[in-house]
Protein backbone atom coordinates (compact mmCIF):
# COMPACT_ATOMS: atom_id res chain seq x y z
CA MET A 1 -0.01 0.07 -0.06
CA GLN A 2 3.04 2.26 -0.05
CA TYR A 3 2.27 3.56 -3.53
CA PHE A 4 -1.33 3.93 -2.69
CA ARG A 5 -0.46 6.43 0.04
CA LYS A 6 1.97 8.26 -2.20
CA MET A 7 -0.95 9.10 -4.59
CA PHE A 8 -2.17 11.58 -2.13
CA ILE A 9 0.70 14.04 -2.85
CA PHE A 10 -1.40 15.08 -5.94
CA VAL A 11 -4.31 16.01 -3.53
CA LYS A 12 -2.07 17.79 -1.06
CA PRO A 13 -2.23 21.32 -2.83
CA TYR A 14 -6.09 21.04 -2.53
CA PHE A 15 -6.32 19.19 0.75
CA PRO A 16 -8.54 21.45 2.91
CA MET A 17 -11.20 21.53 0.15
CA TYR A 18 -10.67 17.83 -0.55
CA ILE A 19 -11.02 16.59 2.99
CA ILE A 20 -14.15 18.70 3.63
CA GLY A 21 -15.66 17.41 0.29
CA VAL A 22 -14.85 13.82 1.08
CA LEU A 23 -16.26 14.04 4.64
CA LEU A 24 -19.48 15.72 3.66
CA TYR A 25 -19.80 13.39 0.65
CA SER A 26 -19.23 10.28 2.69
CA SER A 27 -21.56 11.39 5.57
CA GLN A 28 -24.58 10.49 3.48
CA ALA A 29 -24.19 6.87 4.40
CA PHE A 30 -25.12 7.90 7.97
CA VAL A 31 -27.04 11.24 7.52
CA PHE A 32 -29.93 10.15 5.45
CA PRO A 33 -30.66 6.81 7.43
CA LEU A 34 -30.62 8.99 10.69
CA ILE A 35 -33.09 11.56 9.23
CA SER A 36 -35.27 8.72 8.02
CA SER A 37 -35.15 7.10 11.51
CA ILE A 38 -35.99 10.35 13.17
CA MET A 39 -38.99 10.95 10.96
CA GLU A 40 -40.25 7.46 11.30
CA SER A 41 -39.97 7.57 15.11
CA MET A 42 -41.76 10.90 15.32
CA MET A 43 -44.52 9.89 12.98
CA VAL A 44 -45.13 6.56 14.98
CA ALA A 45 -45.19 8.40 18.24
CA ALA A 46 -47.73 10.90 16.79
CA VAL A 47 -49.88 8.10 15.40
CA LEU A 48 -49.76 6.17 18.67
CA ASP A 49 -50.77 9.37 20.52
CA GLY A 50 -53.40 10.30 18.02
CA GLU A 51 -51.76 13.68 17.61
CA LEU A 52 -52.19 14.97 14.08
CA ALA A 53 -50.16 18.07 14.69
CA GLY A 54 -47.23 15.82 15.74
CA PHE A 55 -47.55 13.93 12.40
CA PHE A 56 -47.10 17.11 10.41
CA ARG A 57 -44.46 18.20 12.67
CA ALA A 58 -42.50 15.12 11.95
CA ALA A 59 -43.05 15.67 8.15
CA GLY A 60 -41.88 19.30 8.49
CA THR A 61 -38.76 18.31 10.39
CA PHE A 62 -37.88 15.61 7.87
CA VAL A 63 -38.25 18.13 4.97
CA GLY A 64 -35.99 20.65 6.79
CA LEU A 65 -33.40 18.14 7.79
CA PHE A 66 -33.39 16.60 4.29
CA ALA A 67 -33.02 19.99 2.57
CA VAL A 68 -30.02 20.86 4.72
CA ALA A 69 -28.49 17.44 4.30
CA ILE A 70 -28.88 17.64 0.40
CA ILE A 71 -27.25 21.04 0.31
CA LEU A 72 -24.26 19.86 2.53
CA VAL A 73 -23.73 16.72 0.58
CA ALA A 74 -24.14 18.52 -2.77
CA PHE A 75 -21.54 21.04 -1.72
CA GLY A 76 -19.23 18.15 -0.44
CA THR A 77 -19.79 16.27 -3.79
CA TYR A 78 -18.81 19.34 -5.80
CA SER A 79 -15.71 19.97 -3.64
CA TYR A 80 -14.63 16.37 -3.86
CA VAL A 81 -15.14 16.00 -7.51
CA ILE A 82 -13.50 19.30 -8.48
CA THR A 83 -10.41 18.64 -6.33
CA CYS A 84 -10.16 15.01 -7.64
CA ALA A 85 -10.27 16.34 -11.19
CA LYS A 86 -7.53 18.87 -10.54
CA ALA A 87 -5.38 16.22 -8.86
CA THR A 88 -5.82 13.97 -11.78
CA ARG A 89 -4.89 16.64 -14.19
CA ASP A 90 -1.62 17.23 -12.13
CA LEU A 91 -0.97 13.50 -11.96
CA LYS A 92 -1.12 13.11 -15.79
CA SER A 93 0.78 16.23 -16.41
CA ARG A 94 3.56 15.06 -14.14
CA LEU A 95 3.41 11.51 -15.52
CA PHE A 96 3.62 12.74 -19.14
CA ARG A 97 6.46 15.20 -18.22
CA SER A 98 8.38 12.42 -16.45
CA PHE A 99 7.92 10.04 -19.37
CA VAL A 100 9.21 12.68 -21.92
CA ASN A 101 12.07 13.80 -19.60
CA SER A 102 13.27 10.36 -18.84
CA ASN A 103 16.52 9.52 -20.58
CA ILE A 104 16.34 6.64 -22.94
CA GLU A 105 18.07 4.17 -20.77
CA SER A 106 15.88 4.75 -17.66
CA ALA A 107 12.43 4.93 -19.42
CA ILE A 108 10.37 2.23 -17.93
CA TYR A 109 7.95 1.93 -20.91
CA SER A 110 10.00 1.63 -23.96
CA HIS A 111 7.15 0.42 -26.12
CA SER A 112 4.71 3.04 -27.28
CA GLY A 113 1.75 0.95 -26.35
CA GLU A 114 3.04 0.52 -22.74
CA GLY A 115 3.53 4.27 -22.57
CA VAL A 116 -0.07 4.95 -23.61
CA ALA A 117 -1.26 2.38 -21.10
CA ALA A 118 0.85 4.01 -18.41
CA ILE A 119 -0.47 7.58 -19.10
CA ASN A 120 -4.00 6.62 -19.77
CA THR A 121 -5.13 3.28 -18.12
CA ASP A 122 -2.72 3.08 -15.27
CA ALA A 123 -3.20 6.72 -14.30
CA ASN A 124 -6.95 6.39 -14.40
CA VAL A 125 -6.94 3.35 -12.14
CA ALA A 126 -4.30 4.90 -9.81
CA GLU A 127 -6.19 8.09 -9.34
CA SER A 128 -9.09 6.23 -8.05
CA ALA A 129 -6.91 5.91 -4.89
CA TYR A 130 -8.20 9.38 -3.93
CA SER A 131 -11.32 9.58 -5.99
CA ASN A 132 -13.14 6.16 -5.94
CA ALA A 133 -11.42 4.06 -3.31
CA LEU A 134 -11.08 6.35 -0.29
CA PRO A 135 -14.69 7.75 -0.15
CA PRO A 136 -16.32 4.35 0.22
CA LEU A 137 -14.01 3.38 2.91
CA LEU A 138 -14.62 6.61 4.87
CA SER A 139 -18.33 6.26 4.20
CA CYS A 140 -18.20 2.78 5.97
CA ILE A 141 -16.31 3.99 8.91
CA ILE A 142 -18.58 7.09 9.23
CA ALA A 143 -21.51 4.96 9.07
CA ILE A 144 -20.33 2.34 11.66
CA VAL A 145 -19.09 4.95 14.16
CA ALA A 146 -22.02 7.40 14.03
CA SER A 147 -24.82 4.81 13.61
CA ALA A 148 -23.31 2.70 16.46
CA ALA A 149 -23.34 5.64 18.64
CA VAL A 150 -27.14 6.19 17.86
CA VAL A 151 -28.04 2.47 18.29
CA PHE A 152 -26.17 2.17 21.60
CA ALA A 153 -27.95 5.31 22.69
CA ILE A 154 -31.21 3.56 21.86
CA ASP A 155 -30.20 0.26 23.59
CA TYR A 156 -26.77 -1.28 24.04
CA ARG A 157 -28.15 -4.86 23.27
CA LEU A 158 -29.35 -3.72 19.82
CA GLY A 159 -25.88 -2.15 19.31
CA ILE A 160 -24.12 -5.37 20.12
CA ALA A 161 -26.39 -7.42 17.99
CA SER A 162 -25.74 -5.04 15.09
CA LEU A 163 -22.01 -5.24 15.55
CA ALA A 164 -22.23 -9.13 15.73
CA VAL A 165 -23.99 -9.34 12.38
CA GLY A 166 -21.79 -6.81 10.84
CA ALA A 167 -18.72 -8.87 12.00
CA LEU A 168 -20.17 -11.92 10.33
CA ALA A 169 -20.65 -9.91 7.26
CA ALA A 170 -17.10 -8.52 7.35
CA PHE A 171 -15.70 -12.03 7.62
CA VAL A 172 -17.66 -13.18 4.63
CA GLN A 173 -16.96 -10.01 2.63
CA SER A 174 -13.08 -10.46 3.23
CA ARG A 175 -13.41 -13.79 1.37
CA PHE A 176 -14.41 -11.90 -1.70
CA ALA A 177 -11.77 -9.01 -1.36
CA LYS A 178 -8.53 -10.96 -2.07
CA PRO A 179 -9.74 -12.61 -5.38
CA LEU A 180 -11.33 -9.37 -6.53
CA GLY A 181 -8.04 -7.48 -5.89
CA GLU A 182 -5.92 -10.15 -7.78
CA ILE A 183 -8.26 -10.03 -10.71
CA GLY A 184 -7.93 -6.19 -10.81
CA SER A 185 -4.20 -6.41 -10.68
CA LYS A 186 -4.23 -9.02 -13.61
CA ARG A 187 -6.56 -6.83 -15.57
CA LEU A 188 -4.13 -3.91 -15.44
CA SER A 189 -1.29 -6.11 -16.73
CA VAL A 190 -3.50 -7.70 -19.46
CA ASN A 191 -4.74 -4.39 -20.56
CA SER A 192 -1.20 -3.16 -20.92
CA SER A 193 -0.44 -6.05 -23.18
CA SER A 194 -3.60 -5.53 -25.18
CA VAL A 195 -2.77 -1.81 -25.84
CA LYS A 196 0.73 -2.83 -26.76
CA SER A 197 -0.69 -5.31 -29.38
CA ILE A 198 -3.13 -2.66 -30.79
CA SER A 199 -0.17 -0.23 -31.02
CA ASP A 200 1.86 -2.83 -32.97
CA ILE A 201 -1.11 -3.45 -35.35
CA PHE A 202 -1.47 0.20 -36.14
CA SER A 203 2.30 1.10 -36.46
CA GLY A 204 3.04 -2.17 -38.32
CA GLY A 205 0.03 -2.14 -40.78
CA LEU A 206 2.18 -2.10 -43.87
CA ALA A 207 4.20 -5.06 -42.85
CA ILE A 208 1.12 -6.99 -41.59
CA ARG A 209 -0.56 -6.64 -44.96
CA ALA A 210 2.54 -7.08 -47.11
CA PHE A 211 3.34 -10.40 -45.40
CA ASN A 212 -0.33 -11.57 -45.04
CA MET A 213 -0.11 -11.49 -41.28
CA GLN A 214 -3.63 -10.26 -40.78
CA GLU A 215 -4.71 -13.52 -39.17
CA ARG A 216 -1.67 -13.79 -37.00
CA ALA A 217 -2.13 -10.32 -35.70
CA LEU A 218 -5.87 -10.85 -35.14
CA PHE A 219 -4.98 -14.11 -33.24
CA SER A 220 -2.45 -12.22 -30.98
CA PHE A 221 -5.08 -9.57 -30.22
CA ASP A 222 -7.83 -12.29 -29.68
CA ILE A 223 -5.52 -13.94 -27.01
CA GLU A 224 -5.23 -10.85 -25.01
CA ASN A 225 -9.00 -10.04 -25.56
CA ARG A 226 -9.89 -13.55 -24.25
CA LYS A 227 -7.87 -13.10 -21.23
CA ILE A 228 -9.71 -9.86 -20.42
CA ARG A 229 -12.98 -11.60 -21.04
CA ILE A 230 -12.13 -14.48 -18.79
CA LEU A 231 -10.97 -12.07 -15.96
CA SER A 232 -14.15 -10.00 -16.49
CA PHE A 233 -16.28 -13.16 -16.17
CA LYS A 234 -14.55 -14.20 -12.97
CA GLN A 235 -14.95 -10.68 -11.55
CA ALA A 236 -18.69 -10.73 -12.36
CA VAL A 237 -19.29 -14.13 -10.73
CA ILE A 238 -17.61 -13.01 -7.59
CA THR A 239 -19.42 -9.70 -7.58
CA MET A 240 -22.74 -11.56 -8.09
CA TRP A 241 -22.17 -13.62 -5.02
CA GLN A 242 -20.97 -10.67 -3.00
CA ASP A 243 -24.18 -8.70 -4.01
CA LEU A 244 -26.26 -11.82 -3.13
CA PHE A 245 -24.71 -11.93 0.31
CA THR A 246 -25.17 -8.17 0.83
CA THR A 247 -28.99 -8.72 0.19
CA ILE A 248 -29.04 -11.68 2.60
CA GLN A 249 -27.16 -9.63 5.22
CA GLY A 250 -29.80 -6.95 4.97
CA TRP A 251 -32.53 -9.40 5.55
CA LEU A 252 -30.67 -10.84 8.44
CA THR A 253 -30.02 -7.44 10.07
CA LEU A 254 -33.69 -6.64 9.82
CA CYS A 255 -34.77 -10.03 11.30
CA VAL A 256 -32.26 -9.72 14.22
CA THR A 257 -33.16 -6.13 14.94
CA PHE A 258 -36.98 -6.67 15.00
CA ALA A 259 -36.68 -9.97 16.84
CA LEU A 260 -34.51 -8.53 19.65
CA GLY A 261 -36.18 -5.13 19.47
CA GLY A 262 -39.72 -6.77 19.53
CA TRP A 263 -38.70 -8.65 22.65
CA LEU A 264 -37.41 -5.58 24.39
CA VAL A 265 -40.74 -3.62 23.53
CA ALA A 266 -42.80 -6.58 24.72
CA THR A 267 -40.97 -6.69 28.00
CA GLY A 268 -41.22 -2.97 28.48
CA GLN A 269 -37.46 -2.32 28.18
CA LEU A 270 -37.94 -0.28 25.03
CA THR A 271 -40.55 1.99 23.53
CA PHE A 272 -42.08 1.21 20.12
CA PRO A 273 -41.11 4.63 18.54
CA MET A 274 -37.46 4.05 19.60
CA LEU A 275 -37.59 0.59 18.09
CA ILE A 276 -38.71 2.09 14.81
CA MET A 277 -35.41 4.14 14.80
CA ALA A 278 -33.18 1.09 15.13
CA PRO A 279 -33.58 -0.75 11.76
CA ASN A 280 -32.18 1.87 9.63
CA MET A 281 -29.23 2.58 11.95
CA CYS A 282 -28.52 -1.13 12.33
CA MET A 283 -28.64 -1.62 8.61
CA ALA A 284 -26.02 1.26 8.38
CA ILE A 285 -23.72 -0.45 10.90
CA ALA A 286 -23.98 -3.84 9.16
CA GLU A 287 -23.58 -2.39 5.71
CA GLY A 288 -20.62 -0.31 6.91
CA ILE A 289 -18.84 -3.25 8.36
CA SER A 290 -19.32 -5.45 5.34
CA GLY A 291 -18.59 -2.51 3.14
CA ILE A 292 -15.17 -2.24 4.46
CA GLY A 293 -14.39 -5.61 2.88
CA THR A 294 -15.59 -4.38 -0.57
CA ALA A 295 -13.80 -1.14 -0.03
CA TRP A 296 -10.62 -3.03 0.71
CA ALA A 297 -10.83 -4.97 -2.41
CA GLY A 298 -11.35 -1.71 -4.27
CA LEU A 299 -7.96 -0.46 -2.94
CA GLN A 300 -5.86 -3.25 -4.56
CA ALA A 301 -6.02 -2.38 -8.27
CA PRO A 302 -5.22 1.33 -7.56
CA SER A 303 -2.46 0.25 -5.36
CA VAL A 304 -0.85 -1.80 -8.25
CA ALA A 305 -1.47 0.82 -10.81
CA ALA A 306 0.03 3.45 -8.43
CA GLY A 307 3.24 1.30 -8.29
CA ARG A 308 3.50 1.23 -12.18
CA VAL A 309 2.83 4.92 -12.31
CA PHE A 310 5.46 5.83 -9.73
CA LYS A 311 8.15 3.77 -11.56
CA VAL A 312 7.75 6.43 -14.32
CA LEU A 313 7.47 9.30 -11.92
CA ASP A 314 10.45 8.18 -9.89
CA SER A 315 12.57 7.64 -13.07
CA GLY A 316 11.63 11.15 -14.28
CA GLN A 317 12.39 12.63 -10.95
CA ARG A 318 15.78 10.89 -10.73
CA ASP A 319 16.69 12.33 -14.26
CA SER A 320 15.29 15.65 -13.33
CA LEU A 321 17.63 15.96 -10.33
CA HIS A 322 20.56 16.00 -12.91
CA ASN A 323 18.93 18.91 -14.67
CA LYS A 324 19.68 21.18 -11.78
CA GLY A 325 23.23 22.21 -12.46
CA GLN A 326 25.58 24.72 -14.07
CA LEU A 327 24.75 26.29 -17.34
CA VAL A 328 26.93 25.13 -20.27
CA GLU A 329 29.67 27.71 -20.78
CA ASP A 330 29.56 29.50 -24.08
CA GLY A 331 32.93 29.57 -25.96
CA ARG A 332 35.05 26.68 -27.25
CA HIS A 333 33.14 23.55 -28.40
CA SER A 334 35.81 20.90 -28.31
CA ILE A 335 34.65 17.52 -26.83
CA THR A 336 36.66 15.61 -24.36
CA ILE A 337 35.73 12.03 -23.34
CA SER A 338 37.68 10.42 -20.43
CA ASN A 339 37.45 6.79 -19.24
CA LEU A 340 33.86 6.29 -20.46
CA ASN A 341 32.19 3.07 -19.56
CA PHE A 342 28.47 2.43 -20.12
CA ARG A 343 26.28 -0.56 -19.71
CA TYR A 344 22.50 -0.84 -20.63
CA GLN A 345 20.11 -1.89 -17.93
CA ASN A 346 19.88 -5.68 -17.52
CA SER A 347 22.92 -6.08 -19.77
CA GLU A 348 25.70 -8.42 -18.74
CA SER A 349 28.52 -6.62 -20.36
CA ASP A 350 29.58 -3.03 -21.13
CA THR A 351 28.46 -1.51 -24.40
CA LEU A 352 31.16 1.17 -24.12
CA SER A 353 34.41 0.40 -22.40
CA ASP A 354 37.27 2.68 -21.44
CA VAL A 355 36.52 5.22 -24.19
CA ASN A 356 38.97 8.09 -24.27
CA LEU A 357 38.75 10.62 -27.13
CA PHE A 358 39.44 14.28 -27.78
CA ILE A 359 37.47 16.14 -30.61
CA GLY A 360 38.87 19.53 -31.59
CA GLU A 361 36.67 22.57 -32.01
CA ASN A 362 35.20 22.57 -35.63
CA GLU A 363 36.64 19.21 -36.46
CA MET A 364 34.81 16.66 -38.52
CA VAL A 365 34.93 13.27 -36.88
CA ALA A 366 33.58 10.10 -38.31
CA PHE A 367 32.71 7.05 -36.21
CA VAL A 368 32.79 3.79 -38.18
CA GLY A 369 32.63 0.08 -37.21
CA ALA A 370 30.48 -2.97 -37.61
CA SER A 371 26.88 -2.95 -36.35
CA GLY A 372 26.77 -3.18 -32.71
CA SER A 373 30.19 -1.77 -32.17
CA GLY A 374 28.83 1.16 -30.06
CA LYS A 375 28.85 4.11 -32.40
CA SER A 376 25.28 5.18 -31.88
CA THR A 377 25.60 4.56 -28.24
CA LEU A 378 28.59 6.82 -27.86
CA LEU A 379 26.97 9.67 -29.85
CA ARG A 380 23.85 9.44 -27.70
CA ALA A 381 25.95 9.44 -24.48
CA ILE A 382 27.63 12.54 -25.75
CA ILE A 383 24.33 14.43 -26.20
CA GLY A 384 23.01 13.33 -22.77
CA MET A 385 20.59 10.57 -23.57
CA TYR A 386 21.59 8.21 -20.79
CA ASP A 387 22.16 8.48 -17.09
CA ARG A 388 25.16 10.82 -16.80
CA SER A 389 26.12 9.84 -13.33
CA GLY A 390 29.94 9.18 -13.29
CA MET A 391 30.36 10.19 -16.99
CA ASP A 392 33.41 12.38 -17.80
CA ILE A 393 32.29 14.06 -20.93
CA ARG A 394 33.22 17.71 -21.46
CA LEU A 395 32.13 20.35 -23.93
CA GLY A 396 34.85 22.91 -23.75
CA ASN A 397 35.21 23.40 -19.91
CA SER A 398 31.69 22.21 -19.05
CA SER A 399 31.13 18.66 -17.75
CA ILE A 400 27.95 16.76 -18.57
CA SER A 401 27.79 15.30 -15.18
CA ASN A 402 26.98 18.73 -13.37
CA CYS A 403 25.58 20.82 -16.20
CA ASP A 404 21.97 21.67 -16.77
CA LEU A 405 20.69 19.03 -19.35
CA VAL A 406 18.49 21.43 -21.27
CA THR A 407 21.39 23.78 -22.02
CA TRP A 408 23.68 20.98 -22.65
CA ARG A 409 21.37 19.50 -25.38
CA ARG A 410 20.90 22.82 -26.79
CA LYS A 411 24.53 22.85 -27.99
CA PHE A 412 23.76 19.80 -30.15
CA ALA A 413 21.69 19.15 -33.24
CA PHE A 414 20.93 15.40 -33.74
CA VAL A 415 19.83 13.51 -36.89
CA ASP A 416 19.36 9.66 -36.76
CA GLN A 417 18.34 7.18 -39.28
CA SER A 418 14.73 7.07 -38.04
CA CYS A 419 14.06 10.65 -39.17
CA LYS A 420 11.14 11.09 -36.86
CA LEU A 421 8.64 13.74 -38.13
CA PHE A 422 5.42 14.73 -36.49
CA ASP A 423 2.02 15.44 -37.63
CA MET A 424 2.73 19.08 -38.50
CA THR A 425 3.66 21.19 -41.56
CA VAL A 426 6.93 20.94 -43.16
CA ALA A 427 7.92 24.36 -41.86
CA GLU A 428 6.86 23.37 -38.36
CA ASN A 429 8.92 20.25 -38.42
CA ILE A 430 11.98 22.15 -39.57
CA ALA A 431 11.60 24.79 -36.96
CA LEU A 432 10.83 22.25 -34.12
CA GLY A 433 14.12 22.45 -32.36
CA VAL A 434 14.43 26.25 -32.37
CA THR A 435 13.91 27.69 -28.84
CA ASP A 436 12.58 30.97 -30.16
CA CYS A 437 10.29 31.41 -33.13
CA ALA A 438 12.16 30.54 -36.30
CA THR A 439 11.85 33.06 -39.20
CA THR A 440 10.62 32.08 -42.69
CA GLU A 441 14.12 33.06 -44.01
CA LEU A 442 15.91 30.68 -41.54
CA ILE A 443 13.50 27.70 -42.46
CA ILE A 444 14.09 28.30 -46.18
CA GLU A 445 17.82 28.64 -45.66
CA SER A 446 17.89 25.45 -43.66
CA ALA A 447 15.99 23.55 -46.20
CA THR A 448 18.20 24.81 -49.00
CA ARG A 449 21.35 23.78 -47.16
CA ALA A 450 19.78 20.30 -46.56
CA SER A 451 19.03 19.93 -50.38
CA ALA A 452 15.29 19.79 -49.56
CA ILE A 453 14.19 23.09 -51.08
CA ASP A 454 13.36 21.54 -54.43
CA PHE A 455 11.10 18.75 -53.44
CA ILE A 456 9.46 20.97 -50.72
CA ASN A 457 8.45 23.65 -53.31
CA ALA A 458 7.02 20.87 -55.47
CA LEU A 459 4.65 19.71 -52.65
CA PRO A 460 1.04 20.70 -52.93
CA ASP A 461 1.13 23.44 -50.33
CA GLY A 462 5.04 23.86 -50.21
CA PHE A 463 6.29 24.56 -46.63
CA SER A 464 2.59 24.48 -45.43
CA THR A 465 2.13 20.70 -46.52
CA SER A 466 1.30 18.49 -43.71
CA CYS A 467 3.96 15.77 -43.18
CA GLY A 468 1.16 13.30 -41.79
CA GLU A 469 1.62 10.94 -38.77
CA LYS A 470 5.24 9.89 -38.60
CA GLY A 471 5.77 11.64 -42.01
CA ALA A 472 3.54 9.26 -43.78
CA SER A 473 2.98 11.60 -46.78
CA LEU A 474 6.67 11.72 -47.48
CA SER A 475 9.14 9.33 -48.84
CA GLY A 476 12.09 8.02 -46.71
CA GLY A 477 14.71 10.30 -48.39
CA GLN A 478 12.48 13.30 -48.08
CA LYS A 479 11.81 12.69 -44.41
CA GLN A 480 15.52 12.43 -44.00
CA ARG A 481 16.42 15.67 -45.62
CA ILE A 482 13.73 17.54 -43.60
CA ALA A 483 15.25 16.00 -40.39
CA ILE A 484 18.68 17.35 -41.47
CA ALA A 485 17.14 20.76 -42.30
CA ARG A 486 15.60 20.75 -38.76
CA ALA A 487 19.15 20.06 -37.32
CA LEU A 488 20.69 22.90 -39.45
CA CYS A 489 17.82 25.29 -38.38
CA ARG A 490 18.84 24.72 -34.74
CA LYS A 491 22.13 26.63 -35.34
CA ALA A 492 23.80 24.45 -32.67
CA PRO A 493 27.64 24.48 -32.52
CA VAL A 494 27.81 20.61 -32.62
CA LEU A 495 26.09 18.64 -35.39
CA VAL A 496 25.61 14.93 -34.70
CA PHE A 497 24.65 12.59 -37.63
CA ASP A 498 23.89 9.00 -36.84
CA GLU A 499 23.43 7.19 -40.15
CA ALA A 500 21.64 10.38 -41.33
CA THR A 501 22.10 9.69 -45.02
CA SER A 502 21.10 6.01 -44.84
CA ALA A 503 17.79 6.45 -46.75
CA LEU A 504 19.20 8.87 -49.37
CA ASP A 505 20.14 7.83 -52.88
CA ALA A 506 23.82 8.39 -53.97
CA GLU A 507 23.25 11.87 -55.54
CA SER A 508 21.28 13.18 -52.47
CA GLU A 509 23.86 11.74 -50.17
CA ARG A 510 26.64 13.38 -52.13
CA ALA A 511 24.74 16.70 -51.83
CA ILE A 512 24.19 16.31 -48.08
CA MET A 513 27.96 15.42 -47.54
CA GLU A 514 28.96 18.48 -49.50
CA THR A 515 26.75 20.52 -47.25
CA ILE A 516 28.29 19.01 -44.23
CA GLU A 517 31.77 19.73 -45.62
CA ASN A 518 30.71 23.34 -46.07
CA LEU A 519 29.78 23.49 -42.24
CA ARG A 520 33.20 22.26 -41.12
CA ASN A 521 34.42 25.73 -40.31
CA GLU A 522 31.37 26.73 -38.33
CA HIS A 523 30.54 23.54 -36.40
CA THR A 524 31.94 20.60 -34.62
CA ILE A 525 30.62 17.65 -36.63
CA LEU A 526 30.23 14.10 -35.59
CA ILE A 527 29.23 11.43 -38.06
CA ALA A 528 28.38 7.73 -37.59
CA THR A 529 28.15 5.91 -40.84
CA HIS A 530 28.63 2.62 -42.66
CA ASN A 531 29.58 4.33 -45.99
CA LEU A 532 33.27 4.73 -45.44
CA GLN A 533 33.88 6.31 -48.82
CA SER A 534 31.80 9.33 -47.74
CA ILE A 535 34.03 10.26 -44.80
CA ALA A 536 37.41 9.92 -46.20
CA SER A 537 38.08 13.69 -45.83
CA ALA A 538 37.09 13.72 -42.13
CA ASP A 539 39.64 15.38 -39.75
CA LYS A 540 39.60 12.25 -37.71
CA ILE A 541 38.13 8.80 -37.98
CA VAL A 542 37.32 6.72 -34.86
CA VAL A 543 37.10 3.01 -35.57
CA MET A 544 34.86 1.29 -32.91
CA ASP A 545 35.04 -2.47 -32.06
CA ASN A 546 32.92 -4.15 -29.45
CA GLY A 547 32.41 -0.90 -27.52
CA HIS A 548 35.95 0.40 -27.36
CA ILE A 549 37.98 2.55 -29.70
CA ALA A 550 40.25 0.29 -31.79
CA GLU A 551 41.79 3.00 -34.02
CA VAL A 552 41.90 6.80 -34.32
CA GLY A 553 43.42 8.75 -37.32
CA THR A 554 42.94 10.26 -40.71
CA HIS A 555 42.03 8.11 -43.63
CA ASP A 556 45.54 7.99 -44.85
CA GLU A 557 46.93 7.22 -41.50
CA LEU A 558 44.60 4.41 -40.97
CA MET A 559 45.12 2.99 -44.38
CA LYS A 560 48.84 2.86 -43.78
CA LYS A 561 48.23 0.96 -40.52
CA ALA A 562 46.40 -1.68 -42.53
CA GLY A 563 44.35 -2.41 -39.43
CA LEU A 564 40.52 -2.73 -38.75
CA TYR A 565 39.63 0.37 -40.66
CA ALA A 566 41.41 -0.80 -43.84
CA THR A 567 39.69 -4.15 -43.54
CA LEU A 568 36.30 -2.66 -43.20
CA LEU A 569 37.01 -0.34 -46.31
CA LEU A 570 38.11 -3.22 -48.47
CA HIS A 571 35.18 -5.33 -47.45
């Protein structure tokens, strides 16, 4: 229940209004039975005395008390609902912020479907900790305590009998709580898998149709859907038995109350009007005690969901702590890497091992090596995509380990082979990484330098053309050139290209490499590529092998060594 309690940090800013709202909202479990009991007792007394005025006085008292109760409960409901809505808004905002700010390595939900489930389903279930789970529990407690006080005031024997029936009900209801809690937890897990399957189907629609995998995709989804159906059926069966017992419990409470109360009236130990007050209050006690079992079962799923949510929140908070640091110093943009070791989570070996490298300001440095040699990991470590604790990477005199991550990344423009575009216009995608509003001139200049201006002008609406979801309306080469234009538009001192020309034809790649060549005097340039012919003119070529640097030098120097670089080039 640790994470369940932690969910209330989102209610804390609104706590006074929240607690008043919850108490007033929950009090209806006691207030309305009490008002009904008072009215019934007064009316019975008036009827027995043959006093018509007393009868109308009872009716007036009921209307007055009922009106006051309605106003208070309505105010409590409004306060409770509005504060819960605000708390849930804060929860989802912080969850999304943590998910976005988390570095690649520490992100808990690496699959987009799991991320959607975390921000949507898990958050919705977790927020019920303070919205739907606590009020029923408080209602039960208030009903038990307040109603018991009234019943014991009427006659202590009726109070003891009510508590005894309620204790029996609590024992039986507790038998339902555990399986219901387990089912709720399983449904969260299965729902996450189901969303993940749906996400895979939407994102992989082309491959599914091209390889005639429709039936396989449907079969995979049907398995998850069947699991949800089975769990829903089990939950419905247990809930049916639970409801049946609740009904039986109500009958039992009335029978015990009237049997014992009737004997007390017959023996002159209790008046009949007082007996009339007892059943509603005894029912409130019994239902409150049995309701605790139901309420406890309702706490299980929010507790599990809160645990999943706080994994993301704690991860984002851990990364955010590193953000509080010195600003990156302006000036020189040389890069120094000292004794860098890095291992992915759950990996048994280092991906980067004892990496030492100096990259001079305005140098063009190429990183080459076989797939899996660590090129991309090294570039992403340099721009701050992983946990930076203990990393000794310097940009000029600034260290990544104690610098503000936002200003650190602002010194870099990154382009990788995925060329992620968003459902925006071409111009908006190009200007995406600019802190201030990018001018039309800057956007056009960036597109021109990226050799993208011709095809952009040929689009139906030019720079105002929508790229579609994930750039669906553009070809792979067009997306790559827009991504490069976005990097150039950022005007960052260090440009990082990770297989950035992999989707381009030979002519377009040559044009982009010429653009990069022209930027050498203005930027420090880092390039990871498998096309060794395109980087022969680099100031420095870093050859990666199994996570460490095997060779460093110019093209001519490495060819003379006849080592790994020469082997890669010749093969």
